[in-house]
Amino acid sequence: MEVQAITKFVHISASKARDLARAIQGRKAPDALTITQNSPRKAGFLVGKTLKAAIANAENNAKISAENLVVKMAVVDQGPIHKRFRAGARGSAKPLQKKTSHIKIVLSNHVKAKKA
C-alpha cells in the first residue's frame, strides 16, 4: 500500500532540495528520517517535515508500522516564483526571484530498500 504527503509553496529553490530528496529515495523510512535530521541544510528540515507527515499518515490512516515503510518516491518540483525588485546603483532596479517548491514523498511497504 502506498501513502503520500505533499508540502506546497515551501520557500526554497527546488534545486537546493532535490539532492537530499534523491539521497533518501529507496531507503527505509527510519533511515531516511535520520539522514534528514542530520543534514545541516534548510532542505533537511523541510524534507524531514514532509517525511514525518507521510509516516504519520501511514500509521494513523493505513495502520502500517513505520519500520515496514520504504521511501518509494521523493520528488521536489518547482513552484511559483515571486518576482520582486531591489534598488540598484544610480536609481535603477535589480530583479529578485524568490523561488518556491513543492515536496512530495510517497512511502510504500512493498518495495525493497537500498543497503546503506
N, C-alpha and C. Protein backbone atom coordinates (compact mmCIF):
# COMPACT_ATOMS: atom_id res chain seq x y z
N MET A 1 0.84 -1.17 0.00
CA MET A 1 0.00 0.00 0.00
C MET A 1 0.89 1.24 0.00
N GLU A 2 0.47 2.25 -0.72
CA GLU A 2 1.24 3.49 -0.82
C GLU A 2 0.55 4.60 -0.03
N VAL A 3 1.39 5.40 0.63
CA VAL A 3 0.92 6.55 1.40
C VAL A 3 1.78 7.73 0.99
N GLN A 4 1.17 8.91 0.87
CA GLN A 4 1.93 10.08 0.43
C GLN A 4 1.67 11.29 1.31
N ALA A 5 2.60 12.23 1.22
CA ALA A 5 2.45 13.53 1.87
C ALA A 5 3.03 14.58 0.93
N ILE A 6 2.35 15.72 0.83
CA ILE A 6 2.78 16.80 -0.05
C ILE A 6 2.85 18.09 0.76
N THR A 7 3.95 18.79 0.62
CA THR A 7 4.09 20.12 1.20
C THR A 7 4.25 21.10 0.05
N LYS A 8 3.37 22.07 -0.04
CA LYS A 8 3.38 23.01 -1.16
C LYS A 8 3.85 24.39 -0.73
N PHE A 9 4.36 25.11 -1.70
CA PHE A 9 4.77 26.51 -1.56
C PHE A 9 5.83 26.70 -0.47
N VAL A 10 6.83 25.82 -0.45
CA VAL A 10 7.93 25.90 0.50
C VAL A 10 8.94 26.92 -0.02
N HIS A 11 9.44 27.79 0.83
CA HIS A 11 10.34 28.86 0.40
C HIS A 11 11.78 28.36 0.33
N ILE A 12 12.04 27.55 -0.69
CA ILE A 12 13.38 27.10 -1.01
C ILE A 12 13.37 26.73 -2.49
N SER A 13 14.49 26.95 -3.17
CA SER A 13 14.52 26.59 -4.58
C SER A 13 14.57 25.07 -4.72
N ALA A 14 13.98 24.57 -5.78
CA ALA A 14 13.87 23.13 -5.97
C ALA A 14 15.23 22.47 -6.14
N SER A 15 16.16 23.16 -6.76
CA SER A 15 17.48 22.57 -6.98
C SER A 15 18.24 22.36 -5.67
N LYS A 16 17.99 23.17 -4.66
CA LYS A 16 18.66 23.02 -3.37
C LYS A 16 18.11 21.85 -2.56
N ALA A 17 16.87 21.48 -2.82
CA ALA A 17 16.25 20.40 -2.05
C ALA A 17 16.28 19.06 -2.78
N ARG A 18 16.52 19.07 -4.08
CA ARG A 18 16.47 17.82 -4.86
C ARG A 18 17.55 16.82 -4.47
N ASP A 19 18.75 17.29 -4.16
CA ASP A 19 19.82 16.35 -3.84
C ASP A 19 19.52 15.56 -2.57
N LEU A 20 18.89 16.17 -1.60
CA LEU A 20 18.51 15.45 -0.38
C LEU A 20 17.35 14.49 -0.66
N ALA A 21 16.43 14.89 -1.52
CA ALA A 21 15.32 14.01 -1.89
C ALA A 21 15.85 12.77 -2.61
N ARG A 22 16.86 12.94 -3.45
CA ARG A 22 17.45 11.79 -4.15
C ARG A 22 18.20 10.89 -3.17
N ALA A 23 18.77 11.47 -2.12
CA ALA A 23 19.54 10.69 -1.16
C ALA A 23 18.65 9.76 -0.32
N ILE A 24 17.42 10.18 -0.05
CA ILE A 24 16.55 9.34 0.79
C ILE A 24 15.69 8.38 -0.01
N GLN A 25 15.68 8.53 -1.33
CA GLN A 25 14.83 7.70 -2.16
C GLN A 25 15.32 6.24 -2.14
N GLY A 26 14.39 5.32 -1.87
CA GLY A 26 14.72 3.91 -1.83
C GLY A 26 15.16 3.40 -0.47
N ARG A 27 15.27 4.25 0.51
CA ARG A 27 15.71 3.84 1.85
C ARG A 27 14.51 3.57 2.76
N LYS A 28 14.78 2.87 3.85
CA LYS A 28 13.73 2.65 4.84
C LYS A 28 13.40 3.98 5.50
N ALA A 29 12.17 4.13 5.94
CA ALA A 29 11.69 5.40 6.49
C ALA A 29 12.49 5.87 7.71
N PRO A 30 12.82 4.99 8.69
CA PRO A 30 13.62 5.48 9.82
C PRO A 30 15.02 5.94 9.41
N ASP A 31 15.63 5.25 8.44
CA ASP A 31 16.96 5.65 7.95
C ASP A 31 16.89 6.98 7.23
N ALA A 32 15.85 7.16 6.42
CA ALA A 32 15.67 8.42 5.69
C ALA A 32 15.43 9.57 6.66
N LEU A 33 14.70 9.30 7.72
CA LEU A 33 14.45 10.34 8.73
C LEU A 33 15.74 10.74 9.44
N THR A 34 16.60 9.77 9.69
CA THR A 34 17.91 10.05 10.31
C THR A 34 18.76 10.91 9.38
N ILE A 35 18.73 10.62 8.08
CA ILE A 35 19.50 11.41 7.11
C ILE A 35 19.03 12.86 7.10
N THR A 36 17.72 13.06 7.11
CA THR A 36 17.20 14.43 7.06
C THR A 36 17.47 15.18 8.36
N GLN A 37 17.42 14.49 9.49
CA GLN A 37 17.67 15.15 10.77
C GLN A 37 19.13 15.53 10.94
N ASN A 38 20.04 14.76 10.33
CA ASN A 38 21.47 15.04 10.47
C ASN A 38 21.99 16.00 9.41
N SER A 39 21.15 16.40 8.48
CA SER A 39 21.56 17.34 7.45
C SER A 39 21.56 18.76 8.01
N PRO A 40 22.64 19.52 7.82
CA PRO A 40 22.69 20.88 8.37
C PRO A 40 21.95 21.91 7.51
N ARG A 41 21.41 21.49 6.38
CA ARG A 41 20.79 22.42 5.44
C ARG A 41 19.31 22.64 5.74
N LYS A 42 18.78 23.72 5.20
CA LYS A 42 17.36 24.04 5.37
C LYS A 42 16.49 22.98 4.71
N ALA A 43 16.97 22.42 3.62
CA ALA A 43 16.23 21.37 2.92
C ALA A 43 16.05 20.14 3.80
N GLY A 44 17.00 19.87 4.67
CA GLY A 44 16.88 18.73 5.58
C GLY A 44 15.69 18.87 6.50
N PHE A 45 15.47 20.06 7.01
CA PHE A 45 14.33 20.32 7.88
C PHE A 45 13.02 20.18 7.12
N LEU A 46 12.95 20.77 5.91
CA LEU A 46 11.70 20.80 5.16
C LEU A 46 11.33 19.42 4.60
N VAL A 47 12.31 18.69 4.08
CA VAL A 47 12.05 17.33 3.58
C VAL A 47 11.72 16.41 4.75
N GLY A 48 12.40 16.60 5.87
CA GLY A 48 12.13 15.80 7.06
C GLY A 48 10.72 16.02 7.60
N LYS A 49 10.26 17.25 7.52
CA LYS A 49 8.91 17.57 7.97
C LYS A 49 7.87 16.86 7.10
N THR A 50 8.10 16.84 5.79
CA THR A 50 7.19 16.14 4.88
C THR A 50 7.26 14.64 5.09
N LEU A 51 8.46 14.11 5.35
CA LEU A 51 8.63 12.68 5.61
C LEU A 51 7.91 12.27 6.89
N LYS A 52 7.99 13.09 7.92
CA LYS A 52 7.27 12.80 9.17
C LYS A 52 5.77 12.79 8.95
N ALA A 53 5.29 13.70 8.10
CA ALA A 53 3.85 13.74 7.79
C ALA A 53 3.43 12.48 7.05
N ALA A 54 4.26 12.00 6.14
CA ALA A 54 3.93 10.77 5.40
C ALA A 54 3.93 9.56 6.33
N ILE A 55 4.87 9.51 7.26
CA ILE A 55 4.91 8.41 8.23
C ILE A 55 3.67 8.45 9.12
N ALA A 56 3.29 9.65 9.55
CA ALA A 56 2.09 9.79 10.39
C ALA A 56 0.84 9.38 9.62
N ASN A 57 0.79 9.71 8.33
CA ASN A 57 -0.35 9.29 7.50
C ASN A 57 -0.42 7.77 7.42
N ALA A 58 0.72 7.13 7.29
CA ALA A 58 0.75 5.67 7.19
C ALA A 58 0.32 5.01 8.49
N GLU A 59 0.79 5.55 9.61
CA GLU A 59 0.47 4.94 10.91
C GLU A 59 -0.99 5.17 11.29
N ASN A 60 -1.50 6.37 11.06
CA ASN A 60 -2.86 6.70 11.50
C ASN A 60 -3.94 6.26 10.52
N ASN A 61 -3.71 6.45 9.24
CA ASN A 61 -4.76 6.16 8.25
C ASN A 61 -4.70 4.73 7.73
N ALA A 62 -3.50 4.23 7.46
CA ALA A 62 -3.38 2.90 6.84
C ALA A 62 -2.96 1.83 7.85
N LYS A 63 -2.68 2.21 9.10
CA LYS A 63 -2.29 1.27 10.16
C LYS A 63 -1.07 0.44 9.76
N ILE A 64 -0.06 1.10 9.20
CA ILE A 64 1.19 0.45 8.82
C ILE A 64 2.29 0.96 9.75
N SER A 65 3.12 0.06 10.24
CA SER A 65 4.22 0.43 11.13
C SER A 65 5.30 1.18 10.34
N ALA A 66 5.96 2.12 10.99
CA ALA A 66 7.00 2.91 10.32
C ALA A 66 8.21 2.05 9.96
N GLU A 67 8.42 0.97 10.68
CA GLU A 67 9.56 0.09 10.42
C GLU A 67 9.42 -0.63 9.07
N ASN A 68 8.20 -0.82 8.60
CA ASN A 68 7.96 -1.56 7.37
C ASN A 68 7.91 -0.67 6.13
N LEU A 69 8.07 0.63 6.30
CA LEU A 69 7.91 1.56 5.19
C LEU A 69 9.23 1.85 4.49
N VAL A 70 9.14 2.05 3.18
CA VAL A 70 10.29 2.42 2.35
C VAL A 70 9.90 3.64 1.53
N VAL A 71 10.84 4.57 1.36
CA VAL A 71 10.59 5.76 0.56
C VAL A 71 10.61 5.34 -0.91
N LYS A 72 9.45 5.24 -1.49
CA LYS A 72 9.34 4.81 -2.89
C LYS A 72 9.70 5.95 -3.84
N MET A 73 9.23 7.16 -3.51
CA MET A 73 9.47 8.30 -4.38
C MET A 73 9.58 9.57 -3.53
N ALA A 74 10.58 10.36 -3.81
CA ALA A 74 10.75 11.67 -3.17
C ALA A 74 11.04 12.67 -4.28
N VAL A 75 10.09 13.58 -4.52
CA VAL A 75 10.18 14.50 -5.64
C VAL A 75 10.07 15.93 -5.13
N VAL A 76 10.92 16.80 -5.67
CA VAL A 76 10.83 18.22 -5.37
C VAL A 76 10.62 18.94 -6.69
N ASP A 77 9.42 19.50 -6.88
CA ASP A 77 9.07 20.22 -8.10
C ASP A 77 9.11 21.72 -7.85
N GLN A 78 9.32 22.46 -8.92
CA GLN A 78 9.36 23.91 -8.81
C GLN A 78 7.95 24.47 -8.64
N GLY A 79 7.82 25.43 -7.72
CA GLY A 79 6.55 26.11 -7.50
C GLY A 79 6.58 27.48 -8.15
N PRO A 80 5.64 28.33 -7.82
CA PRO A 80 5.61 29.67 -8.41
C PRO A 80 6.78 30.53 -7.90
N ILE A 81 7.20 31.45 -8.74
CA ILE A 81 8.30 32.35 -8.39
C ILE A 81 7.74 33.73 -8.12
N HIS A 82 8.06 34.28 -6.96
CA HIS A 82 7.65 35.64 -6.62
C HIS A 82 8.70 36.59 -7.17
N LYS A 83 8.29 37.49 -8.07
CA LYS A 83 9.24 38.40 -8.70
C LYS A 83 9.18 39.74 -7.99
N ARG A 84 10.34 40.15 -7.48
CA ARG A 84 10.46 41.41 -6.74
C ARG A 84 11.61 42.22 -7.33
N PHE A 85 11.76 43.45 -6.88
CA PHE A 85 12.87 44.29 -7.34
C PHE A 85 13.56 44.90 -6.13
N ARG A 86 14.87 45.06 -6.26
CA ARG A 86 15.69 45.67 -5.22
C ARG A 86 16.39 46.89 -5.82
N ALA A 87 16.60 47.89 -5.03
CA ALA A 87 17.23 49.11 -5.52
C ALA A 87 18.66 48.83 -5.95
N GLY A 88 19.04 49.36 -7.10
CA GLY A 88 20.39 49.18 -7.62
C GLY A 88 21.11 50.51 -7.72
N ALA A 89 22.24 50.50 -8.36
CA ALA A 89 23.05 51.70 -8.49
C ALA A 89 22.39 52.72 -9.42
N ARG A 90 22.59 53.98 -9.14
CA ARG A 90 22.10 55.10 -9.95
C ARG A 90 20.59 55.09 -10.14
N GLY A 91 19.87 54.66 -9.13
CA GLY A 91 18.42 54.70 -9.17
C GLY A 91 17.77 53.61 -10.00
N SER A 92 18.52 52.61 -10.38
CA SER A 92 17.94 51.53 -11.19
C SER A 92 17.37 50.45 -10.27
N ALA A 93 16.66 49.51 -10.86
CA ALA A 93 16.07 48.40 -10.11
C ALA A 93 16.67 47.09 -10.58
N LYS A 94 17.02 46.24 -9.64
CA LYS A 94 17.59 44.93 -9.95
C LYS A 94 16.53 43.86 -9.65
N PRO A 95 16.29 42.94 -10.60
CA PRO A 95 15.27 41.91 -10.36
C PRO A 95 15.70 40.89 -9.32
N LEU A 96 14.73 40.42 -8.54
CA LEU A 96 14.95 39.42 -7.49
C LEU A 96 13.92 38.32 -7.70
N GLN A 97 14.32 37.07 -7.65
CA GLN A 97 13.38 35.97 -7.77
C GLN A 97 13.36 35.19 -6.48
N LYS A 98 12.20 35.14 -5.83
CA LYS A 98 12.02 34.35 -4.61
C LYS A 98 11.34 33.05 -5.01
N LYS A 99 12.12 31.97 -5.05
CA LYS A 99 11.62 30.71 -5.59
C LYS A 99 10.93 29.87 -4.51
N THR A 100 9.95 29.11 -4.93
CA THR A 100 9.25 28.19 -4.05
C THR A 100 9.27 26.80 -4.70
N SER A 101 8.89 25.80 -3.91
CA SER A 101 8.86 24.43 -4.43
C SER A 101 7.79 23.63 -3.74
N HIS A 102 7.46 22.49 -4.36
CA HIS A 102 6.50 21.54 -3.81
C HIS A 102 7.24 20.24 -3.54
N ILE A 103 7.12 19.71 -2.31
CA ILE A 103 7.80 18.47 -1.93
C ILE A 103 6.76 17.37 -1.82
N LYS A 104 7.00 16.25 -2.51
CA LYS A 104 6.09 15.11 -2.47
C LYS A 104 6.88 13.86 -2.11
N ILE A 105 6.42 13.16 -1.08
CA ILE A 105 7.06 11.92 -0.65
C ILE A 105 6.02 10.81 -0.64
N VAL A 106 6.35 9.69 -1.29
CA VAL A 106 5.47 8.53 -1.34
C VAL A 106 6.17 7.38 -0.62
N LEU A 107 5.49 6.82 0.37
CA LEU A 107 6.01 5.67 1.12
C LEU A 107 5.24 4.42 0.72
N SER A 108 5.94 3.30 0.72
CA SER A 108 5.31 2.04 0.36
C SER A 108 5.86 0.93 1.26
N ASN A 109 5.09 -0.14 1.41
CA ASN A 109 5.58 -1.27 2.18
C ASN A 109 5.87 -2.47 1.29
N HIS A 110 5.92 -2.26 -0.03
CA HIS A 110 6.14 -3.36 -0.97
C HIS A 110 7.49 -3.28 -1.69
N VAL A 111 8.24 -2.21 -1.53
CA VAL A 111 9.48 -2.01 -2.28
C VAL A 111 10.67 -2.42 -1.42
N LYS A 112 11.68 -3.02 -2.03
CA LYS A 112 12.88 -3.40 -1.30
C LYS A 112 13.73 -2.15 -1.06
N ALA A 113 14.36 -2.11 0.11
CA ALA A 113 15.15 -0.93 0.50
C ALA A 113 16.59 -1.06 0.01
N LYS A 114 17.23 0.12 -0.18
CA LYS A 114 18.65 0.18 -0.52
C LYS A 114 19.47 -0.24 0.68
N LYS A 115 20.62 -0.78 0.42
CA LYS A 115 21.54 -1.08 1.53
C LYS A 115 22.37 0.14 1.82
N ALA A 116 22.68 0.37 3.07
CA ALA A 116 23.38 1.57 3.48
C ALA A 116 24.84 1.55 3.08
